[in-house]
Amino acid sequence: MMNRTQDILIRGGDVLTVKGFERGDVLMRDGRIAAAGPGLEAGDARVVDASGLLVAPGLVDIHCHLREPGYEHKEDIVSGTAAAAAGGFTSVCCMANTQPVNDSAVVTEFIRRKAAERGSARVYPIAAVTKGLLGEELTEMGELAEAGAVALSDDGRSVKSAQRMRLALRYAGRFGMTIISHPEDEELTDGGVMNEGYWSTALGLPGVTRAAEETIIARDCRLAGLENARLHVAHVSTAGGADLIREAKRRGWPVTCETAPHYLYATDALLQDYDTNARVNPPLRTEADRLALIEALKDGTIDCIATDHAPHHADDKNVEFALAASGISGFETAFALCWTALVKPGLMTPEQVLDKLTRAPARVLGLDAGTIEAGRRADVTVIDPRAEWTVDPAQFRSRGKNTPFAGHTLTGAICYTFLEGRPVYGGAECR
């Protein structure tokens, strides 16, 4: 093991800068980028040979579930951030649906403190919009902001009352905070477990209409425009949802959004064998939706990609489909799913995909992350863009082994991850 303070020189890689990829080196010293460019001298620094590899800013995830406090049997901050580092992520934002709910400064501070002491990635807590996620009484937003919450969300539930959502947007705006909307009308889901369409009919499973997502997107975008308050829409999964956000942006409303890797890589056809690991909320949609989301990424309608990492214990998935918990353990497959679905077939460039995983999510929530520049934090990920590997959940660092992609061969592997110049993941056979 090397000393935390040892200088590290990443040599001879294709470095992603604000100008694009440039062949060169990155010198990390005392937790910062000391220099970036060609021909840097190593001195007594440890040298990491990055020839043939990509050197990118540490990936940024603005939507994940670390489960702690309260659900440590699914995941905790230590295991979750270790999984994040293995996936190339150095900054992650964790949702509030813990137990107790992160609706108080005490819980926010606990998460930040434990992550700082024992985490392998930087953790930014997202606090609740309403107390207990019950959709009734608004949280003390100012106190949560002071405690370190970077946004507010009742993720897992939408705020049912339009008036309460309007007030939440208004008050959050006073503290410079963003509301993250979980777009789902629970009355319209009506017990559905997968996308409503051909495959739900063929499999005999109750479907979830697109309208459940799209009606809330339409409502919340309109309210954001009314209050001129920042809204971010989580895990957009439908073509219609993307169209609504495109129109909101055209109108000048302060709206951003994300989609998740599994919506870009897979469709509802993945559920043909009733694999409960493929049950996710919102559900996997159709090929037409998948292609529409890719176009929305390319034209800037969808601002960024977020994992929605949702680890579960095996007992939560080893039940009949209708009773299974929703969610995919996503940190360790996110990058490769995106690379395989977007870069390998030539639908997006490496620069475009990495921007959606670094600078763009950092920009959405105003995080100090996502850029390799002298003086910035030395959060760096080294990638082999050509490596092929087979997903084996038994090898996950996450406690959650729930992935529908077991056995899939993916392209693009994380070789090293550095957090403030400290190696938190490395040694993968990337070449």
Protein backbone atom coordinates (compact mmCIF):
# COMPACT_ATOMS: atom_id res chain seq x y z
CA MET A 1 0.00 0.00 0.00
CA MET A 2 1.30 3.40 -0.84
CA ASN A 3 1.29 6.39 1.45
CA ARG A 4 -1.72 8.66 1.09
CA THR A 5 0.50 11.65 0.53
CA GLN A 6 2.70 10.09 -2.15
CA ASP A 7 2.65 11.92 -5.46
CA ILE A 8 1.16 9.96 -8.34
CA LEU A 9 1.88 10.57 -12.02
CA ILE A 10 -0.58 9.07 -14.49
CA ARG A 11 1.52 8.88 -17.63
CA GLY A 12 0.75 8.68 -21.33
CA GLY A 13 -3.02 8.42 -21.33
CA ASP A 14 -5.66 10.20 -23.38
CA VAL A 15 -6.74 12.80 -20.83
CA LEU A 16 -10.24 14.26 -20.98
CA THR A 17 -9.95 18.01 -20.47
CA VAL A 18 -12.42 20.81 -21.12
CA LYS A 19 -11.00 20.85 -24.68
CA GLY A 20 -11.56 17.13 -25.25
CA PHE A 21 -9.06 14.24 -25.20
CA GLU A 22 -5.39 15.22 -25.20
CA ARG A 23 -2.47 12.79 -24.95
CA GLY A 24 -0.51 13.57 -21.81
CA ASP A 25 0.06 13.09 -18.09
CA VAL A 26 -1.68 14.00 -14.86
CA LEU A 27 0.31 14.73 -11.69
CA MET A 28 -1.55 14.40 -8.38
CA ARG A 29 -0.08 15.94 -5.23
CA ASP A 30 -1.60 16.57 -1.78
CA GLY A 31 -5.08 15.69 -2.97
CA ARG A 32 -5.04 18.10 -5.92
CA ILE A 33 -4.19 18.10 -9.59
CA ALA A 34 -0.71 19.62 -9.56
CA ALA A 35 -0.38 19.65 -13.36
CA ALA A 36 -1.89 18.15 -16.48
CA GLY A 37 -0.18 18.05 -19.85
CA PRO A 38 2.49 16.27 -21.90
CA GLY A 39 5.95 15.40 -20.67
CA LEU A 40 5.52 15.92 -16.94
CA GLU A 41 8.43 14.91 -14.71
CA ALA A 42 7.73 12.14 -12.21
CA GLY A 43 10.38 12.86 -9.59
CA ASP A 44 9.77 10.40 -6.74
CA ALA A 45 6.10 10.02 -7.68
CA ARG A 46 4.51 6.64 -8.20
CA VAL A 47 4.00 6.23 -11.95
CA VAL A 48 0.82 4.71 -13.35
CA ASP A 49 1.19 3.70 -16.99
CA ALA A 50 -1.96 4.82 -18.81
CA SER A 51 -0.79 4.23 -22.38
CA GLY A 52 -3.73 3.08 -24.46
CA LEU A 53 -6.14 4.12 -21.70
CA LEU A 54 -8.49 7.04 -21.08
CA VAL A 55 -7.95 9.34 -18.12
CA ALA A 56 -11.20 11.00 -17.08
CA PRO A 57 -12.48 13.01 -14.15
CA GLY A 58 -13.93 10.82 -11.43
CA LEU A 59 -17.50 9.94 -12.41
CA VAL A 60 -20.32 11.80 -10.66
CA ASP A 61 -23.61 10.14 -9.68
CA ILE A 62 -26.40 12.44 -8.50
CA HIS A 63 -28.91 9.67 -7.73
CA CYS A 64 -28.12 6.60 -5.65
CA HIS A 65 -29.26 4.73 -2.55
CA LEU A 66 -26.67 3.87 0.10
CA ARG A 67 -29.36 2.51 2.48
CA GLU A 68 -27.62 3.67 5.67
CA PRO A 69 -28.98 4.37 8.21
CA GLY A 70 -31.53 1.64 8.75
CA TYR A 71 -31.10 -0.82 5.88
CA GLU A 72 -27.50 -1.91 6.33
CA HIS A 73 -28.42 -5.49 5.40
CA LYS A 74 -28.92 -4.16 1.85
CA GLU A 75 -25.98 -1.72 1.74
CA ASP A 76 -24.05 0.64 3.97
CA ILE A 77 -21.88 3.66 3.32
CA VAL A 78 -18.65 1.64 3.36
CA SER A 79 -19.81 -1.08 0.95
CA GLY A 80 -21.75 1.35 -1.22
CA THR A 81 -18.86 3.76 -1.72
CA ALA A 82 -16.50 0.83 -2.36
CA ALA A 83 -18.88 -0.25 -5.14
CA ALA A 84 -19.00 3.32 -6.41
CA ALA A 85 -15.20 3.48 -6.59
CA ALA A 86 -15.11 0.16 -8.46
CA GLY A 87 -17.52 1.72 -10.94
CA GLY A 88 -15.30 4.78 -11.42
CA PHE A 89 -17.42 7.13 -9.27
CA THR A 90 -15.73 9.54 -6.88
CA SER A 91 -18.78 11.69 -6.04
CA VAL A 92 -22.23 10.29 -5.26
CA CYS A 93 -25.47 11.84 -4.03
CA CYS A 94 -27.57 9.55 -1.84
CA MET A 95 -31.35 9.67 -1.53
CA ALA A 96 -33.29 10.23 1.66
CA ASN A 97 -35.37 7.02 1.89
CA THR A 98 -33.40 5.62 4.80
CA GLN A 99 -34.63 4.69 8.29
CA PRO A 100 -34.87 7.13 9.90
CA VAL A 101 -35.60 9.20 6.82
CA ASN A 102 -33.02 11.86 6.07
CA ASP A 103 -35.41 14.67 6.95
CA SER A 104 -33.30 16.25 9.68
CA ALA A 105 -29.89 17.85 10.08
CA VAL A 106 -28.89 15.04 12.45
CA VAL A 107 -29.25 12.35 9.76
CA THR A 108 -27.62 14.52 7.09
CA GLU A 109 -24.64 15.16 9.34
CA PHE A 110 -24.35 11.46 10.24
CA ILE A 111 -24.14 10.46 6.56
CA ARG A 112 -21.55 13.13 5.79
CA ARG A 113 -19.42 12.27 8.82
CA LYS A 114 -19.35 8.51 8.24
CA ALA A 115 -18.62 8.94 4.53
CA ALA A 116 -15.76 11.32 5.29
CA GLU A 117 -14.30 8.90 7.84
CA ARG A 118 -14.72 5.57 6.06
CA GLY A 119 -15.98 6.14 2.52
CA SER A 120 -14.20 5.38 -0.76
CA ALA A 121 -16.12 8.15 -2.55
CA ARG A 122 -17.29 11.63 -1.64
CA VAL A 123 -20.92 11.49 -0.47
CA TYR A 124 -23.41 14.32 -0.85
CA PRO A 125 -26.68 13.71 1.02
CA ILE A 126 -30.01 14.51 -0.62
CA ALA A 127 -32.59 15.26 2.07
CA ALA A 128 -36.35 14.76 2.01
CA VAL A 129 -38.87 17.28 0.72
CA THR A 130 -41.48 16.23 3.28
CA LYS A 131 -41.09 14.80 6.76
CA GLY A 132 -41.08 11.03 6.75
CA LEU A 133 -41.56 11.10 2.94
CA LEU A 134 -45.27 11.28 3.73
CA GLY A 135 -46.02 14.14 1.35
CA GLU A 136 -47.59 16.31 4.05
CA GLU A 137 -45.36 18.58 6.16
CA LEU A 138 -42.38 20.22 4.47
CA THR A 139 -38.96 19.67 6.01
CA GLU A 140 -36.80 22.44 7.53
CA MET A 141 -35.03 23.15 4.28
CA GLY A 142 -32.71 25.85 5.59
CA GLU A 143 -31.41 23.61 8.37
CA LEU A 144 -30.88 20.77 5.92
CA ALA A 145 -28.94 23.04 3.57
CA GLU A 146 -26.73 24.22 6.44
CA ALA A 147 -26.10 20.60 7.44
CA GLY A 148 -24.81 19.81 3.94
CA ALA A 149 -27.78 18.55 1.94
CA VAL A 150 -27.23 19.38 -1.74
CA ALA A 151 -30.82 18.86 -2.92
CA LEU A 152 -34.25 17.72 -1.75
CA SER A 153 -36.27 14.72 -2.92
CA ASP A 154 -38.96 12.32 -1.73
CA ASP A 155 -37.48 9.80 -4.16
CA GLY A 156 -39.49 6.61 -4.23
CA ARG A 157 -42.61 8.77 -4.03
CA SER A 158 -43.82 11.87 -5.80
CA VAL A 159 -45.22 14.71 -3.73
CA LYS A 160 -48.89 13.90 -4.24
CA SER A 161 -50.32 17.38 -3.64
CA ALA A 162 -49.63 19.86 -6.43
CA GLN A 163 -50.01 22.76 -3.99
CA ARG A 164 -47.49 21.23 -1.60
CA MET A 165 -45.08 20.65 -4.47
CA ARG A 166 -45.49 24.28 -5.50
CA LEU A 167 -44.68 25.45 -1.98
CA ALA A 168 -41.70 23.10 -1.81
CA LEU A 169 -40.28 24.58 -5.00
CA ARG A 170 -40.86 28.10 -3.69
CA TYR A 171 -39.18 27.50 -0.33
CA ALA A 172 -36.31 25.44 -1.77
CA GLY A 173 -35.56 28.29 -4.14
CA ARG A 174 -35.04 30.63 -1.21
CA PHE A 175 -32.18 28.44 -0.03
CA GLY A 176 -30.71 27.92 -3.49
CA MET A 177 -31.68 24.24 -3.49
CA THR A 178 -32.98 21.99 -6.24
CA ILE A 179 -36.05 19.78 -5.87
CA ILE A 180 -35.58 16.34 -7.45
CA SER A 181 -38.90 14.95 -8.62
CA HIS A 182 -39.74 11.24 -8.59
CA PRO A 183 -42.25 11.33 -11.46
CA GLU A 184 -44.86 8.73 -10.63
CA ASP A 185 -48.58 9.07 -10.10
CA GLU A 186 -49.15 6.18 -7.70
CA GLU A 187 -52.85 6.01 -8.52
CA LEU A 188 -52.01 5.43 -12.18
CA THR A 189 -49.49 2.68 -11.46
CA ASP A 190 -52.35 0.69 -9.89
CA GLY A 191 -50.28 -2.31 -8.86
CA GLY A 192 -48.32 -2.49 -12.11
CA VAL A 193 -44.94 -4.22 -12.06
CA MET A 194 -43.60 -3.66 -15.59
CA ASN A 195 -44.17 -1.48 -18.62
CA GLU A 196 -47.70 -1.64 -19.99
CA GLY A 197 -47.48 -3.03 -23.50
CA TYR A 198 -46.80 -6.13 -25.53
CA TRP A 199 -44.61 -7.89 -22.99
CA SER A 200 -46.85 -7.23 -19.99
CA THR A 201 -49.71 -8.76 -21.95
CA ALA A 202 -47.62 -11.71 -23.14
CA LEU A 203 -46.28 -12.41 -19.65
CA GLY A 204 -49.57 -11.86 -17.86
CA LEU A 205 -48.11 -9.21 -15.57
CA PRO A 206 -49.92 -5.98 -14.63
CA GLY A 207 -48.53 -3.02 -16.56
CA VAL A 208 -47.53 0.52 -15.65
CA THR A 209 -48.78 3.14 -18.08
CA ARG A 210 -46.39 5.81 -19.34
CA ALA A 211 -48.96 8.33 -18.18
CA ALA A 212 -47.99 7.61 -14.56
CA GLU A 213 -44.60 9.17 -15.26
CA GLU A 214 -45.58 11.76 -17.81
CA THR A 215 -48.44 13.40 -15.89
CA ILE A 216 -46.15 14.16 -12.95
CA ILE A 217 -43.38 15.43 -15.25
CA ALA A 218 -45.86 17.78 -16.90
CA ARG A 219 -47.20 18.98 -13.54
CA ASP A 220 -43.84 19.53 -11.88
CA CYS A 221 -42.27 21.24 -14.90
CA ARG A 222 -45.21 23.65 -15.03
CA LEU A 223 -44.85 24.38 -11.31
CA ALA A 224 -41.11 24.98 -11.69
CA GLY A 225 -41.91 27.49 -14.42
CA LEU A 226 -44.56 29.14 -12.26
CA GLU A 227 -42.22 29.55 -9.29
CA ASN A 228 -39.02 30.01 -11.33
CA ALA A 229 -37.47 27.40 -9.06
CA ARG A 230 -34.97 24.69 -9.98
CA LEU A 231 -36.46 21.27 -10.70
CA HIS A 232 -34.57 18.12 -11.61
CA VAL A 233 -36.56 15.16 -12.92
CA ALA A 234 -35.21 11.76 -11.90
CA HIS A 235 -34.86 8.62 -14.05
CA VAL A 236 -36.76 9.65 -17.18
CA SER A 237 -37.76 6.44 -18.96
CA THR A 238 -40.26 7.34 -21.72
CA ALA A 239 -40.13 9.15 -25.03
CA GLY A 240 -43.12 11.23 -23.93
CA GLY A 241 -41.36 12.25 -20.72
CA ALA A 242 -38.35 13.44 -22.71
CA ASP A 243 -40.65 15.42 -25.02
CA LEU A 244 -42.25 17.17 -22.05
CA ILE A 245 -38.88 18.19 -20.67
CA ARG A 246 -37.75 19.36 -24.09
CA GLU A 247 -40.79 21.64 -24.22
CA ALA A 248 -40.15 22.90 -20.68
CA LYS A 249 -36.63 23.88 -21.64
CA ARG A 250 -37.89 25.54 -24.81
CA ARG A 251 -40.12 27.68 -22.60
CA GLY A 252 -37.13 28.68 -20.47
CA TRP A 253 -38.24 26.93 -17.31
CA PRO A 254 -35.40 25.99 -14.88
CA VAL A 255 -35.69 22.23 -15.45
CA THR A 256 -33.02 19.54 -15.78
CA CYS A 257 -33.31 15.77 -15.89
CA GLU A 258 -31.47 12.45 -15.91
CA THR A 259 -31.92 8.95 -17.19
CA ALA A 260 -30.27 5.74 -15.96
CA PRO A 261 -27.94 3.31 -17.74
CA HIS A 262 -30.45 0.45 -17.72
CA TYR A 263 -32.95 2.49 -19.74
CA LEU A 264 -30.26 3.10 -22.37
CA TYR A 265 -29.09 -0.52 -22.56
CA ALA A 266 -32.18 -2.69 -22.00
CA THR A 267 -35.92 -2.89 -22.69
CA ASP A 268 -38.93 -4.66 -21.21
CA ALA A 269 -38.09 -7.69 -23.35
CA LEU A 270 -35.49 -8.46 -20.66
CA LEU A 271 -38.33 -9.64 -18.41
CA GLN A 272 -39.22 -12.63 -20.60
CA ASP A 273 -37.91 -15.11 -18.05
CA TYR A 274 -39.60 -13.32 -15.12
CA ASP A 275 -36.26 -12.35 -13.58
CA THR A 276 -37.17 -10.20 -10.58
CA ASN A 277 -33.77 -8.52 -10.82
CA ALA A 278 -35.16 -6.73 -13.88
CA ARG A 279 -37.99 -5.21 -11.86
CA VAL A 280 -37.16 -1.54 -11.50
CA ASN A 281 -39.13 1.67 -10.93
CA PRO A 282 -39.89 3.21 -13.35
CA PRO A 283 -39.97 0.01 -15.39
CA LEU A 284 -37.83 -0.83 -18.38
CA ARG A 285 -39.65 0.46 -21.46
CA THR A 286 -39.69 -0.33 -25.19
CA GLU A 287 -37.02 -0.11 -27.86
CA ALA A 288 -38.72 3.03 -29.20
CA ASP A 289 -38.40 4.63 -25.76
CA ARG A 290 -34.76 3.58 -25.49
CA LEU A 291 -33.87 5.15 -28.83
CA ALA A 292 -35.80 8.32 -27.96
CA LEU A 293 -33.84 8.65 -24.70
CA ILE A 294 -30.57 8.36 -26.61
CA GLU A 295 -31.67 11.13 -28.98
CA ALA A 296 -32.65 13.24 -25.97
CA LEU A 297 -29.19 12.71 -24.50
CA LYS A 298 -27.57 13.77 -27.75
CA ASP A 299 -29.62 16.94 -28.17
CA GLY A 300 -29.21 18.03 -24.55
CA THR A 301 -32.77 17.45 -23.41
CA ILE A 302 -31.50 14.86 -20.92
CA ASP A 303 -28.73 16.57 -19.02
CA CYS A 304 -26.94 13.63 -17.47
CA ILE A 305 -26.85 9.94 -16.61
CA ALA A 306 -27.36 8.78 -13.00
CA THR A 307 -27.19 5.20 -11.76
CA ASP A 308 -30.19 5.02 -9.41
CA HIS A 309 -28.07 2.39 -7.62
CA ALA A 310 -30.65 0.46 -5.58
CA PRO A 311 -29.09 -2.53 -3.80
CA HIS A 312 -31.33 -5.17 -2.22
CA HIS A 313 -30.85 -8.27 -0.12
CA ALA A 314 -31.43 -11.52 -1.99
CA ASP A 315 -34.57 -12.15 0.05
CA ASP A 316 -36.13 -9.00 -1.42
CA LYS A 317 -35.80 -10.42 -4.94
CA ASN A 318 -36.23 -14.17 -4.41
CA VAL A 319 -40.03 -13.92 -4.30
CA GLU A 320 -42.80 -13.94 -6.88
CA PHE A 321 -42.55 -11.08 -9.33
CA ALA A 322 -45.38 -8.96 -7.93
CA LEU A 323 -43.83 -9.02 -4.44
CA ALA A 324 -40.24 -8.31 -5.46
CA ALA A 325 -38.54 -5.07 -4.49
CA SER A 326 -37.79 -2.65 -7.32
CA GLY A 327 -34.25 -1.70 -8.13
CA ILE A 328 -30.92 -2.64 -9.70
CA SER A 329 -27.50 -2.60 -8.04
CA GLY A 330 -26.01 -0.23 -10.57
CA PHE A 331 -22.65 1.29 -9.56
CA GLU A 332 -20.43 -1.42 -10.93
CA THR A 333 -22.10 -1.85 -14.31
CA ALA A 334 -23.15 1.76 -15.05
CA PHE A 335 -20.15 2.89 -17.06
CA ALA A 336 -19.90 -0.30 -19.14
CA LEU A 337 -23.64 -0.35 -19.87
CA CYS A 338 -23.37 3.21 -21.22
CA TRP A 339 -20.21 2.47 -23.19
CA THR A 340 -21.68 -0.70 -24.68
CA ALA A 341 -25.04 0.86 -25.56
CA LEU A 342 -23.84 4.26 -26.75
CA VAL A 343 -20.16 4.36 -27.75
CA LYS A 344 -19.60 0.86 -29.14
CA PRO A 345 -22.40 1.16 -31.78
CA GLY A 346 -21.31 4.72 -32.63
CA LEU A 347 -24.43 6.45 -31.30
CA MET A 348 -22.43 8.87 -29.12
CA THR A 349 -18.78 9.80 -28.86
CA PRO A 350 -16.62 8.93 -25.84
CA GLU A 351 -16.46 12.63 -24.99
CA GLN A 352 -20.25 12.96 -25.05
CA VAL A 353 -20.85 9.95 -22.81
CA LEU A 354 -18.18 10.92 -20.30
CA ASP A 355 -19.54 14.46 -20.16
CA LYS A 356 -22.94 13.01 -19.17
CA LEU A 357 -21.22 11.09 -16.38
CA THR A 358 -18.91 13.84 -15.08
CA ARG A 359 -19.26 17.55 -15.79
CA ALA A 360 -22.96 17.51 -16.59
CA PRO A 361 -24.21 15.94 -13.34
CA ALA A 362 -21.81 18.11 -11.34
CA ARG A 363 -23.24 21.15 -13.11
CA VAL A 364 -26.86 20.15 -12.35
CA LEU A 365 -26.29 20.28 -8.58
CA GLY A 366 -23.37 22.72 -8.49
CA LEU A 367 -20.84 20.19 -7.21
CA ASP A 368 -17.09 20.78 -7.19
CA ALA A 369 -16.35 17.78 -9.38
CA GLY A 370 -16.17 16.49 -12.91
CA THR A 371 -13.11 18.30 -14.29
CA ILE A 372 -9.38 17.60 -14.63
CA GLU A 373 -7.64 20.96 -14.19
CA ALA A 374 -4.65 22.15 -12.21
CA GLY A 375 -5.72 23.11 -8.70
CA ARG A 376 -8.90 21.02 -8.70
CA ARG A 377 -9.45 17.95 -6.54
CA ALA A 378 -7.52 14.94 -7.78
CA ASP A 379 -10.59 12.80 -8.46
CA VAL A 380 -9.57 10.72 -11.46
CA THR A 381 -10.73 7.55 -13.19
CA VAL A 382 -8.58 5.52 -15.58
CA ILE A 383 -10.54 3.53 -18.17
CA ASP A 384 -9.80 0.83 -20.71
CA PRO A 385 -12.32 1.58 -23.49
CA ARG A 386 -11.70 -1.69 -25.33
CA ALA A 387 -11.73 -4.20 -22.48
CA GLU A 388 -14.51 -6.76 -22.56
CA TRP A 389 -15.72 -8.39 -19.36
CA THR A 390 -18.61 -10.53 -18.17
CA VAL A 391 -20.87 -9.33 -15.38
CA ASP A 392 -20.55 -11.55 -12.31
CA PRO A 393 -22.54 -10.19 -9.36
CA ALA A 394 -20.59 -12.47 -7.00
CA GLN A 395 -17.65 -10.13 -7.65
CA PHE A 396 -19.58 -6.96 -6.78
CA ARG A 397 -18.27 -4.90 -3.90
CA SER A 398 -21.83 -3.83 -3.24
CA ARG A 399 -23.82 -5.94 -0.80
CA GLY A 400 -26.58 -5.85 -3.39
CA LYS A 401 -26.03 -8.53 -6.03
CA ASN A 402 -29.36 -7.71 -7.74
CA THR A 403 -28.60 -7.18 -11.40
CA PRO A 404 -30.43 -8.50 -14.46
CA PHE A 405 -27.17 -8.25 -16.43
CA ALA A 406 -25.39 -11.27 -14.92
CA GLY A 407 -23.61 -13.11 -17.73
CA HIS A 408 -23.78 -10.15 -20.12
CA THR A 409 -20.51 -9.30 -21.87
CA LEU A 410 -19.87 -5.56 -21.71
CA THR A 411 -17.24 -3.25 -23.18
CA GLY A 412 -15.35 -0.67 -21.12
CA ALA A 413 -13.62 -1.34 -17.81
CA ILE A 414 -12.54 0.80 -14.89
CA CYS A 415 -8.83 0.29 -14.22
CA TYR A 416 -8.13 2.76 -11.40
CA THR A 417 -10.08 5.24 -9.34
CA PHE A 418 -8.40 8.00 -7.33
CA LEU A 419 -10.17 10.08 -4.69
CA GLU A 420 -8.22 13.25 -3.88
CA GLY A 421 -5.13 11.51 -5.20
CA ARG A 422 -5.66 8.43 -3.05
CA PRO A 423 -6.15 5.09 -4.84
CA VAL A 424 -9.56 3.70 -3.86
CA TYR A 425 -9.83 1.12 -6.63
CA GLY A 426 -7.24 -0.43 -8.89
CA GLY A 427 -5.50 -3.42 -10.25
CA ALA A 428 -8.09 -4.50 -12.79
CA GLU A 429 -6.78 -6.40 -15.80
CA CYS A 430 -7.60 -3.77 -18.33
CA ARG A 431 -5.29 -4.60 -21.21
